[in-house]
Amino acid sequence: MQQKIVSGIMAIEKLTDHLKQLQPTNLFLVTCNSSFTLCGGKRKLESILKPYHTIHYHDFQNNPNSHDLDNALNAFQNNQCDYIIGIGGGSAMDLAKATAILASQTNQSESYITGNSKLTERTIPLTLIPTTAGTGSEATHFSVIYIDKTKYSLAHASMLADQVILDAELTMSLPKYITASTGMDALCQAIESFWSVNSTDESRNYSKEAIQMILKHLAPAVNQPNTEHREMMLRASHLAGKAINIAQTTASHALSYPMTSYFNIAHGHAVALGLIHFITFNAALNDSNCQDPRGLEFAQNIQIELHQCMHASNAKEAQAIIQDLMKQIVLKQYLSDFGIDHKGIDLLIKNGLSPHRVKNNPKKVTENDLRQMLKGAQPLCSKN
């Protein structure tokens, strides 16, 4: 489906016209908790939503689980809602997307999350408004939902929102760490979708533009934020989201989920901890380890093109660029900083080889590869 994208400072005011066209009876608003007020979203939406009966749902985990989703669905259905707005970071938007599609399904939500039941077309109108520049959730047809500590991706083409509002003013109050972490999420998404075995010319064009914008604007967006840098990061995040919507993520993301589930490392930061090593790992392609169906030469050329896009001559230089960026935005680069010891590394290995995302990686990833990456002479695990 074709999304309607509204962007620019004060773009949120365009929601008024959209609501007048649809005339919802009972509106379901999904937001994060305190951040909804801090970003200015509450103040901006109060007057826009005043004419409508609104059910406000915000009581859910940072990484929404099936229990949170069931509560949202109950609130939506009990109040006979007919329109959803998701405003916030990836968690709020993912929960809004999942609610929108599951509201009209007939089986238990968990059966759809686990893939045991087949989703049908979304029928509930959906608007998404990101307040962080990183997840790109507003541009994808996926929704991340956890069952216990296991991450699942609910996916359907119709989960792509009808309307997306990109208003950088809503990102201006983000704390430095969240700006840094979500910004690295966007960069990792752009890089992973670039080398993914599912990449296309279209997705790589989105990735290239996002990578170059993020490398230029992330550090100042964290350290000297202004409207220009925040707006460019929001645009870059959206482009990265469009890229992963086509190509999907790869091994770096697979490794990040147990880091978040078991060690509470913010998602974008967790992805970056893996990517700084996968960027050299994936460059070492040969006939026996290449997973790209388009062939070894094609996959090698993709790596070269990626390094050039980053203004690097090889994988080591590309790695150094990312590590330097992480230093500039004060993101730790060592697993030991998060209390992850050898037992913790074993836990990451056990839970960080998602078959789907590892399959998308250009280079085959084995348990031994991951162990060497995390426990070997890499600076990720040792400051010496």
Protein backbone atom coordinates (compact mmCIF):
# COMPACT_ATOMS: atom_id res chain seq x y z
CA MET A 1 0.00 0.00 0.00
CA GLN A 2 1.01 3.64 -0.50
CA GLN A 3 1.62 5.54 2.71
CA LYS A 4 0.71 9.19 3.04
CA ILE A 5 3.80 10.91 4.48
CA VAL A 6 3.50 14.33 6.10
CA SER A 7 6.78 15.91 7.19
CA GLY A 8 8.24 19.13 8.53
CA ILE A 9 8.07 21.28 11.65
CA MET A 10 4.47 21.47 12.94
CA ALA A 11 3.51 18.62 10.60
CA ILE A 12 1.44 17.11 13.41
CA GLU A 13 -1.18 19.79 12.81
CA LYS A 14 -2.01 18.08 9.50
CA LEU A 15 -3.61 15.31 11.56
CA THR A 16 -6.63 17.60 11.96
CA ASP A 17 -7.53 17.36 8.27
CA HIS A 18 -7.06 13.59 8.24
CA LEU A 19 -9.40 13.12 11.20
CA LYS A 20 -12.04 15.36 9.67
CA GLN A 21 -12.05 13.14 6.61
CA LEU A 22 -12.38 9.89 8.57
CA GLN A 23 -14.61 11.11 11.43
CA PRO A 24 -13.76 8.33 13.91
CA THR A 25 -16.30 7.60 16.63
CA ASN A 26 -13.90 6.27 19.28
CA LEU A 27 -10.23 6.96 18.81
CA PHE A 28 -7.55 4.67 20.33
CA LEU A 29 -4.35 6.55 21.22
CA VAL A 30 -1.23 4.47 21.99
CA THR A 31 1.64 6.37 23.61
CA CYS A 32 4.65 5.75 25.78
CA ASN A 33 4.21 6.95 29.34
CA SER A 34 6.22 9.99 30.47
CA SER A 35 7.85 10.63 27.08
CA PHE A 36 4.47 11.54 25.57
CA THR A 37 4.38 14.62 27.78
CA LEU A 38 8.11 15.39 27.62
CA CYS A 39 8.24 15.43 23.80
CA GLY A 40 5.35 17.89 23.59
CA GLY A 41 3.05 15.33 22.00
CA LYS A 42 0.42 15.56 24.73
CA ARG A 43 0.23 19.34 24.48
CA LYS A 44 0.06 19.29 20.67
CA LEU A 45 -2.54 16.53 20.46
CA GLU A 46 -4.90 17.83 23.16
CA SER A 47 -6.50 20.47 20.93
CA ILE A 48 -6.41 18.25 17.81
CA LEU A 49 -8.17 15.34 19.56
CA LYS A 50 -10.57 17.45 21.65
CA PRO A 51 -13.57 16.86 19.31
CA TYR A 52 -13.15 13.07 19.53
CA HIS A 53 -13.81 10.50 22.21
CA THR A 54 -10.30 9.15 22.88
CA ILE A 55 -9.16 6.05 24.74
CA HIS A 56 -5.55 6.57 25.87
CA TYR A 57 -3.49 3.37 26.27
CA HIS A 58 0.02 3.72 27.70
CA ASP A 59 0.47 1.02 30.35
CA PHE A 60 2.96 -1.33 28.68
CA GLN A 61 6.59 -2.46 28.89
CA ASN A 62 9.47 -0.77 27.05
CA ASN A 63 9.57 -3.91 24.92
CA PRO A 64 5.86 -4.82 24.60
CA ASN A 65 4.90 -8.39 25.37
CA SER A 66 1.86 -10.51 24.54
CA HIS A 67 0.21 -9.51 27.84
CA ASP A 68 0.52 -5.81 26.94
CA LEU A 69 -0.93 -6.53 23.53
CA ASP A 70 -3.91 -8.44 24.93
CA ASN A 71 -4.63 -5.55 27.31
CA ALA A 72 -4.53 -3.12 24.39
CA LEU A 73 -6.85 -5.31 22.32
CA ASN A 74 -9.32 -5.58 25.22
CA ALA A 75 -9.33 -1.81 25.71
CA PHE A 76 -9.75 -1.24 21.97
CA GLN A 77 -12.62 -3.71 21.58
CA ASN A 78 -14.42 -2.92 24.85
CA ASN A 79 -14.62 0.73 23.83
CA GLN A 80 -15.63 -0.07 20.24
CA CYS A 81 -12.76 1.97 18.84
CA ASP A 82 -12.48 2.50 15.09
CA TYR A 83 -9.21 4.41 14.59
CA ILE A 84 -5.67 4.09 16.01
CA ILE A 85 -2.92 6.66 16.48
CA GLY A 86 0.48 5.45 17.68
CA ILE A 87 2.84 8.19 18.85
CA GLY A 88 6.23 7.55 20.45
CA GLY A 89 9.23 5.32 19.91
CA GLY A 90 9.25 1.88 18.37
CA SER A 91 7.40 0.26 21.29
CA ALA A 92 4.34 2.51 21.01
CA MET A 93 4.22 2.27 17.22
CA ASP A 94 4.74 -1.50 17.21
CA LEU A 95 1.94 -1.96 19.74
CA ALA A 96 -0.34 0.32 17.70
CA LYS A 97 0.38 -1.69 14.54
CA ALA A 98 -0.21 -5.01 16.26
CA THR A 99 -3.48 -3.79 17.79
CA ALA A 100 -4.67 -2.44 14.44
CA ILE A 101 -4.28 -5.74 12.64
CA LEU A 102 -5.25 -8.11 15.46
CA ALA A 103 -8.44 -6.22 16.35
CA SER A 104 -10.25 -7.88 13.45
CA GLN A 105 -8.73 -11.38 13.75
CA THR A 106 -10.67 -14.31 15.21
CA ASN A 107 -8.05 -16.40 17.06
CA GLN A 108 -6.00 -15.69 20.18
CA SER A 109 -3.30 -13.08 19.64
CA GLU A 110 -0.48 -15.44 20.63
CA SER A 111 -1.30 -17.80 17.77
CA TYR A 112 -0.66 -14.98 15.29
CA ILE A 113 2.48 -13.80 17.08
CA THR A 114 4.00 -17.29 16.93
CA GLY A 115 2.92 -17.80 13.32
CA ASN A 116 0.47 -20.61 14.05
CA SER A 117 -2.45 -18.61 12.64
CA LYS A 118 -2.48 -16.64 9.39
CA LEU A 119 -3.20 -12.92 9.51
CA THR A 120 -5.84 -11.33 7.31
CA GLU A 121 -5.92 -7.76 6.01
CA ARG A 122 -5.92 -4.88 8.50
CA THR A 123 -9.24 -3.01 8.51
CA ILE A 124 -8.63 -0.38 11.23
CA PRO A 125 -7.24 3.01 10.01
CA LEU A 126 -3.78 3.71 11.45
CA THR A 127 -1.62 6.83 11.85
CA LEU A 128 1.93 6.63 13.25
CA ILE A 129 3.94 9.55 14.64
CA PRO A 130 7.56 8.81 15.68
CA THR A 131 9.04 10.84 18.52
CA THR A 132 12.50 9.28 18.26
CA ALA A 133 14.82 9.20 15.25
CA GLY A 134 15.87 5.59 15.15
CA THR A 135 13.43 2.70 14.98
CA GLY A 136 11.84 3.46 11.61
CA SER A 137 8.81 1.47 12.81
CA GLU A 138 6.48 3.91 11.08
CA ALA A 139 7.88 2.74 7.72
CA THR A 140 7.67 -1.03 8.22
CA HIS A 141 5.03 -3.76 8.14
CA PHE A 142 6.53 -5.52 11.19
CA SER A 143 5.75 -5.35 14.89
CA VAL A 144 8.10 -6.66 17.60
CA ILE A 145 6.27 -8.47 20.42
CA TYR A 146 7.88 -10.54 23.17
CA ILE A 147 6.58 -13.73 24.75
CA ASP A 148 8.54 -14.16 27.98
CA LYS A 149 12.08 -13.19 26.87
CA THR A 150 11.70 -14.41 23.29
CA LYS A 151 11.26 -11.85 20.54
CA TYR A 152 8.75 -12.40 17.73
CA SER A 153 7.96 -10.37 14.63
CA LEU A 154 4.34 -10.02 13.68
CA ALA A 155 4.32 -9.24 9.96
CA HIS A 156 1.76 -8.47 7.28
CA ALA A 157 1.83 -6.13 4.29
CA SER A 158 -1.27 -4.29 5.54
CA MET A 159 0.45 -3.38 8.82
CA LEU A 160 2.06 -0.47 6.99
CA ALA A 161 0.35 2.64 8.41
CA ASP A 162 -2.05 4.66 6.28
CA GLN A 163 -0.50 7.93 7.41
CA VAL A 164 2.91 8.83 8.84
CA ILE A 165 3.68 12.20 10.41
CA LEU A 166 7.34 13.18 10.69
CA ASP A 167 7.58 16.22 12.96
CA ALA A 168 11.14 16.75 14.18
CA GLU A 169 9.97 19.16 16.88
CA LEU A 170 8.73 16.10 18.77
CA THR A 171 12.32 14.79 18.98
CA MET A 172 13.90 17.99 20.33
CA SER A 173 13.54 17.06 24.01
CA LEU A 174 15.07 13.58 23.68
CA PRO A 175 17.86 12.93 26.21
CA LYS A 176 21.35 12.43 24.81
CA TYR A 177 21.50 8.70 25.45
CA ILE A 178 18.18 7.97 23.75
CA THR A 179 19.16 10.17 20.81
CA ALA A 180 22.46 8.30 20.54
CA SER A 181 21.00 4.81 20.94
CA THR A 182 18.08 5.27 18.56
CA GLY A 183 20.38 6.98 16.07
CA MET A 184 22.68 3.97 16.11
CA ASP A 185 19.66 1.73 15.59
CA ALA A 186 18.88 3.65 12.40
CA LEU A 187 22.51 3.41 11.23
CA CYS A 188 22.64 -0.34 11.92
CA GLN A 189 19.34 -0.86 10.11
CA ALA A 190 20.67 1.02 7.09
CA ILE A 191 23.92 -0.96 7.03
CA GLU A 192 22.30 -4.35 7.63
CA SER A 193 19.63 -3.81 4.99
CA PHE A 194 22.38 -2.78 2.59
CA TRP A 195 24.26 -6.09 2.90
CA SER A 196 21.16 -8.27 3.47
CA VAL A 197 20.68 -11.10 0.98
CA ASN A 198 17.21 -9.61 0.41
CA SER A 199 18.48 -6.17 -0.62
CA THR A 200 17.31 -4.58 -3.86
CA ASP A 201 18.39 -1.52 -5.81
CA GLU A 202 15.55 0.38 -4.16
CA SER A 203 16.41 -0.70 -0.61
CA ARG A 204 20.11 0.04 -1.09
CA ASN A 205 19.30 3.53 -2.35
CA TYR A 206 17.31 4.16 0.84
CA SER A 207 20.19 2.70 2.87
CA LYS A 208 22.87 4.82 1.21
CA GLU A 209 21.01 8.05 1.79
CA ALA A 210 20.29 7.11 5.41
CA ILE A 211 23.90 6.09 6.15
CA GLN A 212 25.36 9.31 4.78
CA MET A 213 22.82 11.47 6.62
CA ILE A 214 23.38 9.68 9.93
CA LEU A 215 27.18 9.83 9.74
CA LYS A 216 26.89 13.57 9.18
CA HIS A 217 24.12 14.48 11.61
CA LEU A 218 24.03 11.99 14.51
CA ALA A 219 26.93 13.37 16.58
CA PRO A 220 25.71 16.99 16.40
CA ALA A 221 22.12 15.85 17.01
CA VAL A 222 23.38 14.32 20.28
CA ASN A 223 25.90 16.94 21.32
CA GLN A 224 24.67 20.22 19.76
CA PRO A 225 21.04 19.52 18.90
CA ASN A 226 19.14 21.92 16.70
CA THR A 227 16.17 21.66 14.38
CA GLU A 228 18.26 20.89 11.29
CA HIS A 229 20.16 17.94 12.80
CA ARG A 230 17.05 16.49 14.46
CA GLU A 231 15.03 16.81 11.26
CA MET A 232 17.74 15.13 9.19
CA MET A 233 17.99 12.29 11.70
CA LEU A 234 14.22 11.78 11.61
CA ARG A 235 14.34 11.63 7.80
CA ALA A 236 17.29 9.23 7.91
CA SER A 237 15.51 6.98 10.39
CA HIS A 238 12.47 6.85 8.10
CA LEU A 239 14.67 5.97 5.11
CA ALA A 240 16.36 3.20 7.10
CA GLY A 241 12.90 1.92 8.03
CA LYS A 242 11.91 1.85 4.36
CA ALA A 243 15.10 -0.09 3.62
CA ILE A 244 14.50 -2.79 6.25
CA ASN A 245 10.86 -3.01 5.19
CA ILE A 246 12.22 -4.45 1.93
CA ALA A 247 15.47 -6.17 2.91
CA GLN A 248 15.00 -6.88 6.65
CA THR A 249 17.75 -6.95 9.26
CA THR A 250 20.54 -9.50 9.70
CA ALA A 251 22.81 -11.09 12.32
CA SER A 252 23.60 -7.91 14.26
CA HIS A 253 19.94 -7.51 15.12
CA ALA A 254 19.60 -11.18 16.01
CA LEU A 255 22.41 -10.80 18.54
CA SER A 256 20.93 -7.61 19.98
CA TYR A 257 17.67 -9.11 21.24
CA PRO A 258 19.12 -11.27 24.04
CA MET A 259 21.36 -8.34 25.02
CA THR A 260 18.19 -6.33 25.60
CA SER A 261 16.13 -9.16 27.11
CA TYR A 262 18.74 -10.45 29.56
CA PHE A 263 20.99 -7.43 30.21
CA ASN A 264 18.64 -4.45 29.65
CA ILE A 265 20.87 -2.83 27.05
CA ALA A 266 18.90 -0.31 24.99
CA HIS A 267 18.06 -1.85 21.63
CA GLY A 268 19.99 0.53 19.37
CA HIS A 269 23.05 0.38 21.62
CA ALA A 270 22.85 -3.43 21.67
CA VAL A 271 22.72 -3.64 17.87
CA ALA A 272 25.75 -1.36 17.58
CA LEU A 273 27.76 -3.55 19.99
CA GLY A 274 27.44 -6.39 17.51
CA LEU A 275 27.64 -4.41 14.29
CA ILE A 276 31.10 -3.01 15.04
CA HIS A 277 32.34 -6.58 14.65
CA PHE A 278 29.97 -7.90 12.01
CA ILE A 279 31.17 -5.15 9.67
CA THR A 280 34.58 -6.83 9.46
CA PHE A 281 33.20 -10.36 9.80
CA ASN A 282 30.84 -9.96 6.83
CA ALA A 283 33.57 -8.55 4.62
CA ALA A 284 35.55 -11.82 4.81
CA LEU A 285 33.47 -13.64 2.19
CA ASN A 286 34.47 -16.71 0.22
CA ASP A 287 32.82 -19.50 -1.78
CA SER A 288 32.18 -21.65 1.28
CA ASN A 289 30.60 -19.05 3.57
CA CYS A 290 28.70 -16.75 1.19
CA GLN A 291 24.92 -17.01 1.69
CA ASP A 292 23.84 -14.47 -0.94
CA PRO A 293 22.00 -16.33 -3.74
CA ARG A 294 23.26 -13.71 -6.20
CA GLY A 295 26.77 -15.09 -5.80
CA LEU A 296 30.12 -14.32 -4.20
CA GLU A 297 31.17 -11.56 -6.60
CA PHE A 298 27.88 -9.74 -6.14
CA ALA A 299 28.12 -9.97 -2.33
CA GLN A 300 31.73 -8.78 -2.35
CA ASN A 301 30.80 -5.81 -4.52
CA ILE A 302 28.04 -4.93 -2.07
CA GLN A 303 30.62 -4.80 0.72
CA ILE A 304 32.91 -2.57 -1.36
CA GLU A 305 30.00 -0.26 -2.21
CA LEU A 306 29.05 -0.05 1.47
CA HIS A 307 32.58 0.95 2.50
CA GLN A 308 32.68 3.59 -0.22
CA CYS A 309 29.34 4.94 0.94
CA MET A 310 30.89 5.38 4.39
CA HIS A 311 33.98 7.04 2.88
CA ALA A 312 36.13 4.08 3.92
CA SER A 313 38.51 2.08 1.74
CA ASN A 314 37.96 -1.24 3.55
CA ALA A 315 36.07 -2.95 6.37
CA LYS A 316 38.60 -2.01 9.05
CA GLU A 317 38.26 1.67 8.20
CA ALA A 318 34.47 1.35 8.18
CA GLN A 319 34.65 -0.29 11.60
CA ALA A 320 36.85 2.53 12.89
CA ILE A 321 34.36 5.13 11.63
CA ILE A 322 31.54 3.50 13.57
CA GLN A 323 33.67 3.09 16.71
CA ASP A 324 34.71 6.74 16.52
CA LEU A 325 31.08 7.80 16.13
CA MET A 326 30.16 5.77 19.21
CA LYS A 327 32.93 7.51 21.15
CA GLN A 328 31.65 10.92 20.04
CA ILE A 329 28.14 10.14 21.29
CA VAL A 330 29.46 8.43 24.45
CA LEU A 331 28.20 4.89 23.86
CA LYS A 332 30.17 2.15 25.62
CA GLN A 333 31.68 -0.48 23.34
CA TYR A 334 32.59 -3.30 25.74
CA LEU A 335 30.32 -6.11 26.93
CA SER A 336 32.10 -6.05 30.30
CA ASP A 337 30.70 -2.55 30.85
CA PHE A 338 27.28 -4.19 31.11
CA GLY A 339 28.36 -6.97 33.45
CA ILE A 340 28.46 -9.59 30.69
CA ASP A 341 31.00 -12.26 31.60
CA HIS A 342 31.74 -15.65 29.98
CA LYS A 343 28.44 -17.08 31.23
CA GLY A 344 26.66 -14.07 29.79
CA ILE A 345 28.37 -14.61 26.46
CA ASP A 346 27.17 -18.22 26.47
CA LEU A 347 23.64 -16.89 27.00
CA LEU A 348 24.01 -14.48 24.07
CA ILE A 349 25.26 -17.28 21.82
CA LYS A 350 22.40 -19.57 22.83
CA ASN A 351 19.76 -16.93 22.11
CA GLY A 352 21.42 -14.77 19.45
CA LEU A 353 21.31 -17.03 16.41
CA SER A 354 17.78 -16.31 15.16
CA PRO A 355 17.46 -18.59 12.10
CA HIS A 356 15.52 -15.98 10.14
CA ARG A 357 17.94 -13.10 10.64
CA VAL A 358 21.08 -15.23 10.43
CA LYS A 359 19.75 -16.54 7.12
CA ASN A 360 19.52 -12.94 5.87
CA ASN A 361 23.19 -12.31 6.68
CA PRO A 362 25.54 -12.28 3.63
CA LYS A 363 28.00 -14.55 5.42
CA LYS A 364 27.11 -17.79 7.19
CA VAL A 365 27.27 -17.37 10.98
CA THR A 366 28.06 -20.40 13.12
CA GLU A 367 28.05 -20.75 16.88
CA ASN A 368 31.85 -20.91 16.79
CA ASP A 369 32.00 -17.70 14.73
CA LEU A 370 29.86 -15.92 17.29
CA ARG A 371 31.93 -17.30 20.16
CA GLN A 372 35.16 -16.11 18.56
CA MET A 373 33.61 -12.71 17.93
CA LEU A 374 32.49 -12.29 21.53
CA LYS A 375 35.22 -14.12 23.46
CA GLY A 376 38.29 -13.72 21.30
CA ALA A 377 40.78 -10.89 21.01
CA GLN A 378 38.02 -8.45 20.00
CA PRO A 379 37.96 -5.17 21.96
CA LEU A 380 34.23 -5.78 22.53
CA CYS A 381 35.06 -8.04 25.45
CA SER A 382 38.34 -6.71 26.73
CA LYS A 383 39.64 -3.24 27.37
CA ASN A 384 43.23 -4.45 27.22
